[in-house]
Amino acid sequence: MSNKLSLTFRFLRVLGFNYSEQEYGQISLGKVWMQFWGNMWRALLVKMMDWWVLEPINPRKMRPILLRLIGCNVGKDVFIGDHVRIDTGHAKLITIDERAHITSGCRLLCHQRNLFSYRIGDDASKLKYKLGKIHIGKGCMIGMESLIMPGVTIGEGAIVGAYSFVNKDIPAWTVAAGRPAKVVKKIPIRS
């Protein structure tokens, strides 16, 4: 890296944190402090998503509000099941359109390690992250325990089967399932 590494980055390395030099080499103490408190706030909001005392209002009222507070773009009349987890550090990359259903245990991941230039002998923990937006269209239903990967768009009215691994776009008005998810049916027009 051509730039001199920040004192904060070097201190974090001494403490044993193995952050990527390309992404964190110029980090400031103020940014670390803000990130720490932001993470604490988002962690509290995530915990609140599963408070049993709020269960009567959680799926359609509380959880969508909490996702908005974390940073997601969430439309009206969205259903969020219990134990749904999002990529809180990149929540602004997640859009959930109106009337979408995300059922229990689903995961929405907006970052992953970029393996494009990974070679034998490289340190995988030092690979840069690749970010991608997730867009869940109007009226979609995501089945239980599904994993949505970065850069995926699920089209309007699409249904994703339970336990699916979605790493590619799903067209509107289709049913997709599997690991990885593939379109198994086109939804017909009502006559």
Protein backbone atom coordinates (compact mmCIF):
# COMPACT_ATOMS: atom_id res chain seq x y z
CA MET A 1 0.00 0.00 0.00
CA SER A 2 1.48 3.35 -1.03
CA ASN A 3 -0.02 5.47 1.78
CA LYS A 4 1.35 5.34 5.30
CA LEU A 5 -0.88 3.30 7.62
CA SER A 6 -2.75 5.28 10.26
CA LEU A 7 -1.67 5.13 13.89
CA THR A 8 -5.12 3.79 14.78
CA PHE A 9 -4.77 0.93 12.28
CA ARG A 10 -1.31 0.02 13.59
CA PHE A 11 -2.62 0.11 17.19
CA LEU A 12 -5.52 -2.19 16.28
CA ARG A 13 -3.03 -4.60 14.69
CA VAL A 14 -0.95 -4.61 17.93
CA LEU A 15 -4.14 -5.48 19.83
CA GLY A 16 -4.55 -8.48 17.53
CA PHE A 17 -7.30 -7.25 15.18
CA ASN A 18 -6.62 -8.63 11.71
CA TYR A 19 -8.37 -6.00 9.58
CA SER A 20 -7.74 -5.67 5.86
CA GLU A 21 -5.04 -3.08 5.17
CA GLN A 22 -6.72 -1.91 1.94
CA GLU A 23 -10.03 -1.21 3.67
CA TYR A 24 -8.90 -0.10 7.14
CA GLY A 25 -5.34 1.18 6.69
CA GLN A 26 -6.39 4.84 6.90
CA ILE A 27 -9.00 4.51 9.67
CA SER A 28 -9.15 7.17 12.38
CA LEU A 29 -9.82 6.77 16.09
CA GLY A 30 -13.01 8.82 15.69
CA LYS A 31 -14.30 6.46 12.99
CA VAL A 32 -13.53 3.42 15.16
CA TRP A 33 -15.39 5.06 18.07
CA MET A 34 -18.43 5.92 15.92
CA GLN A 35 -18.44 2.42 14.42
CA PHE A 36 -18.33 0.88 17.91
CA TRP A 37 -21.36 2.84 19.16
CA GLY A 38 -23.21 2.37 15.88
CA ASN A 39 -22.68 -1.39 16.16
CA MET A 40 -23.94 -1.35 19.76
CA TRP A 41 -27.11 0.55 18.70
CA ARG A 42 -27.80 -1.78 15.76
CA ALA A 43 -27.19 -4.85 17.98
CA LEU A 44 -29.81 -3.58 20.45
CA LEU A 45 -32.32 -3.05 17.62
CA VAL A 46 -31.65 -6.57 16.29
CA LYS A 47 -32.22 -8.02 19.77
CA MET A 48 -35.50 -6.09 20.03
CA MET A 49 -36.73 -7.83 16.86
CA ASP A 50 -37.17 -11.04 18.87
CA TRP A 51 -38.50 -9.72 22.18
CA TRP A 52 -41.36 -12.07 23.02
CA VAL A 53 -43.30 -9.33 24.81
CA LEU A 54 -43.67 -7.53 21.46
CA GLU A 55 -44.70 -10.68 19.57
CA PRO A 56 -48.33 -9.67 18.93
CA ILE A 57 -47.15 -6.60 16.99
CA ASN A 58 -43.69 -7.75 15.88
CA PRO A 59 -44.12 -9.30 12.40
CA ARG A 60 -46.05 -6.49 10.68
CA LYS A 61 -45.41 -3.44 12.87
CA MET A 62 -42.33 -3.55 15.09
CA ARG A 63 -39.84 -5.50 12.97
CA PRO A 64 -40.28 -3.34 9.85
CA ILE A 65 -39.83 -0.22 12.01
CA LEU A 66 -36.69 -1.68 13.60
CA LEU A 67 -35.26 -2.56 10.17
CA ARG A 68 -35.83 1.04 9.08
CA LEU A 69 -34.03 2.29 12.21
CA ILE A 70 -31.11 -0.02 11.42
CA GLY A 71 -30.96 1.52 7.93
CA CYS A 72 -32.94 -0.71 5.54
CA ASN A 73 -35.43 0.69 3.03
CA VAL A 74 -38.70 -1.04 3.98
CA GLY A 75 -42.06 -0.49 2.28
CA LYS A 76 -45.58 -0.68 3.72
CA ASP A 77 -47.32 -3.84 4.92
CA VAL A 78 -44.10 -5.88 5.06
CA PHE A 79 -44.04 -9.07 7.16
CA ILE A 80 -40.78 -9.95 8.93
CA GLY A 81 -40.69 -13.32 10.70
CA ASP A 82 -38.82 -14.14 13.87
CA HIS A 83 -35.04 -14.59 13.87
CA VAL A 84 -34.58 -12.84 10.51
CA ARG A 85 -31.04 -11.43 10.35
CA ILE A 86 -29.69 -8.75 8.09
CA ASP A 87 -26.22 -7.45 7.34
CA THR A 88 -26.42 -4.62 9.89
CA GLY A 89 -23.16 -3.01 8.80
CA HIS A 90 -24.52 -2.57 5.27
CA ALA A 91 -28.25 -2.23 5.98
CA LYS A 92 -28.58 0.75 3.63
CA LEU A 93 -28.00 -1.68 0.74
CA ILE A 94 -31.21 -3.62 1.53
CA THR A 95 -34.56 -2.65 -0.03
CA ILE A 96 -37.75 -4.54 0.82
CA ASP A 97 -40.76 -3.40 -1.19
CA GLU A 98 -44.36 -3.28 0.05
CA ARG A 99 -46.26 -6.44 0.95
CA ALA A 100 -43.11 -8.61 0.93
CA HIS A 101 -42.93 -11.54 3.36
CA ILE A 102 -39.60 -12.59 4.82
CA THR A 103 -40.30 -15.64 6.95
CA SER A 104 -38.52 -16.99 10.01
CA GLY A 105 -34.79 -17.51 10.09
CA CYS A 106 -33.90 -15.85 6.79
CA ARG A 107 -30.53 -14.12 6.33
CA LEU A 108 -29.82 -11.15 4.05
CA LEU A 109 -26.08 -10.74 3.41
CA CYS A 110 -24.72 -7.68 1.56
CA HIS A 111 -20.99 -8.44 1.74
CA GLN A 112 -18.71 -11.35 1.04
CA ARG A 113 -15.00 -11.85 0.49
CA ASN A 114 -13.87 -11.19 -3.06
CA LEU A 115 -12.23 -14.44 -4.17
CA PHE A 116 -11.40 -13.24 -7.70
CA SER A 117 -7.67 -12.79 -7.08
CA TYR A 118 -7.29 -15.37 -4.28
CA ARG A 119 -4.32 -17.67 -4.91
CA ILE A 120 -2.44 -20.46 -3.12
CA GLY A 121 -0.49 -19.01 -0.19
CA ASP A 122 -2.72 -15.93 0.21
CA ASP A 123 -4.25 -15.02 3.59
CA ALA A 124 -8.03 -15.30 3.10
CA SER A 125 -8.67 -13.00 6.07
CA LYS A 126 -6.98 -10.15 4.20
CA LEU A 127 -9.17 -10.36 1.11
CA LYS A 128 -11.28 -7.28 0.40
CA TYR A 129 -15.03 -7.42 0.73
CA LYS A 130 -17.34 -7.22 -2.24
CA LEU A 131 -20.58 -5.36 -1.50
CA GLY A 132 -23.90 -5.83 -3.27
CA LYS A 133 -27.43 -4.48 -2.92
CA ILE A 134 -30.35 -6.75 -2.11
CA HIS A 135 -33.75 -5.82 -3.53
CA ILE A 136 -36.82 -7.82 -2.57
CA GLY A 137 -39.71 -6.85 -4.83
CA LYS A 138 -43.39 -6.16 -4.12
CA GLY A 139 -45.38 -9.07 -2.78
CA CYS A 140 -42.45 -11.52 -2.68
CA MET A 141 -42.33 -14.35 -0.21
CA ILE A 142 -39.00 -15.67 1.05
CA GLY A 143 -39.28 -19.15 2.60
CA MET A 144 -37.93 -20.05 6.03
CA GLU A 145 -34.17 -20.22 6.63
CA SER A 146 -33.28 -18.93 3.16
CA LEU A 147 -30.00 -17.09 2.57
CA ILE A 148 -30.01 -14.11 0.18
CA MET A 149 -26.52 -13.21 -1.06
CA PRO A 150 -25.12 -9.80 -2.13
CA GLY A 151 -26.24 -8.31 -5.43
CA VAL A 152 -29.49 -10.28 -5.66
CA THR A 153 -32.81 -8.88 -6.89
CA ILE A 154 -35.95 -10.91 -6.31
CA GLY A 155 -38.63 -9.75 -8.74
CA GLU A 156 -42.19 -8.75 -7.92
CA GLY A 157 -44.45 -11.58 -6.76
CA ALA A 158 -41.67 -14.18 -6.74
CA ILE A 159 -41.67 -16.97 -4.18
CA VAL A 160 -38.45 -18.46 -2.81
CA GLY A 161 -38.79 -21.93 -1.27
CA ALA A 162 -37.67 -22.72 2.26
CA TYR A 163 -33.95 -23.31 2.91
CA SER A 164 -32.94 -21.83 -0.45
CA PHE A 165 -29.54 -20.32 -1.18
CA VAL A 166 -30.20 -17.35 -3.48
CA ASN A 167 -27.02 -16.16 -5.20
CA LYS A 168 -28.56 -14.99 -8.49
CA ASP A 169 -31.53 -12.81 -9.43
CA ILE A 170 -34.98 -14.39 -9.35
CA PRO A 171 -37.36 -13.14 -12.08
CA ALA A 172 -40.76 -11.66 -11.23
CA TRP A 173 -43.70 -14.02 -10.83
CA THR A 174 -41.70 -17.22 -10.55
CA VAL A 175 -41.14 -19.86 -7.89
CA ALA A 176 -37.49 -20.64 -7.12
CA ALA A 177 -36.03 -23.20 -4.74
CA GLY A 178 -32.86 -25.08 -3.97
CA ARG A 179 -29.21 -24.66 -3.08
CA PRO A 180 -28.45 -22.74 -5.23
CA ALA A 181 -31.97 -21.50 -5.98
CA LYS A 182 -33.28 -22.13 -9.48
CA VAL A 183 -36.61 -21.23 -11.05
CA VAL A 184 -38.87 -24.28 -10.85
CA LYS A 185 -42.13 -22.70 -12.01
CA LYS A 186 -43.52 -19.62 -13.72
CA ILE A 187 -46.64 -18.28 -12.05
CA PRO A 188 -49.50 -18.18 -14.57
CA ILE A 189 -51.71 -15.18 -15.30
CA ARG A 190 -55.13 -15.39 -13.65
CA SER A 191 -57.80 -15.79 -16.35
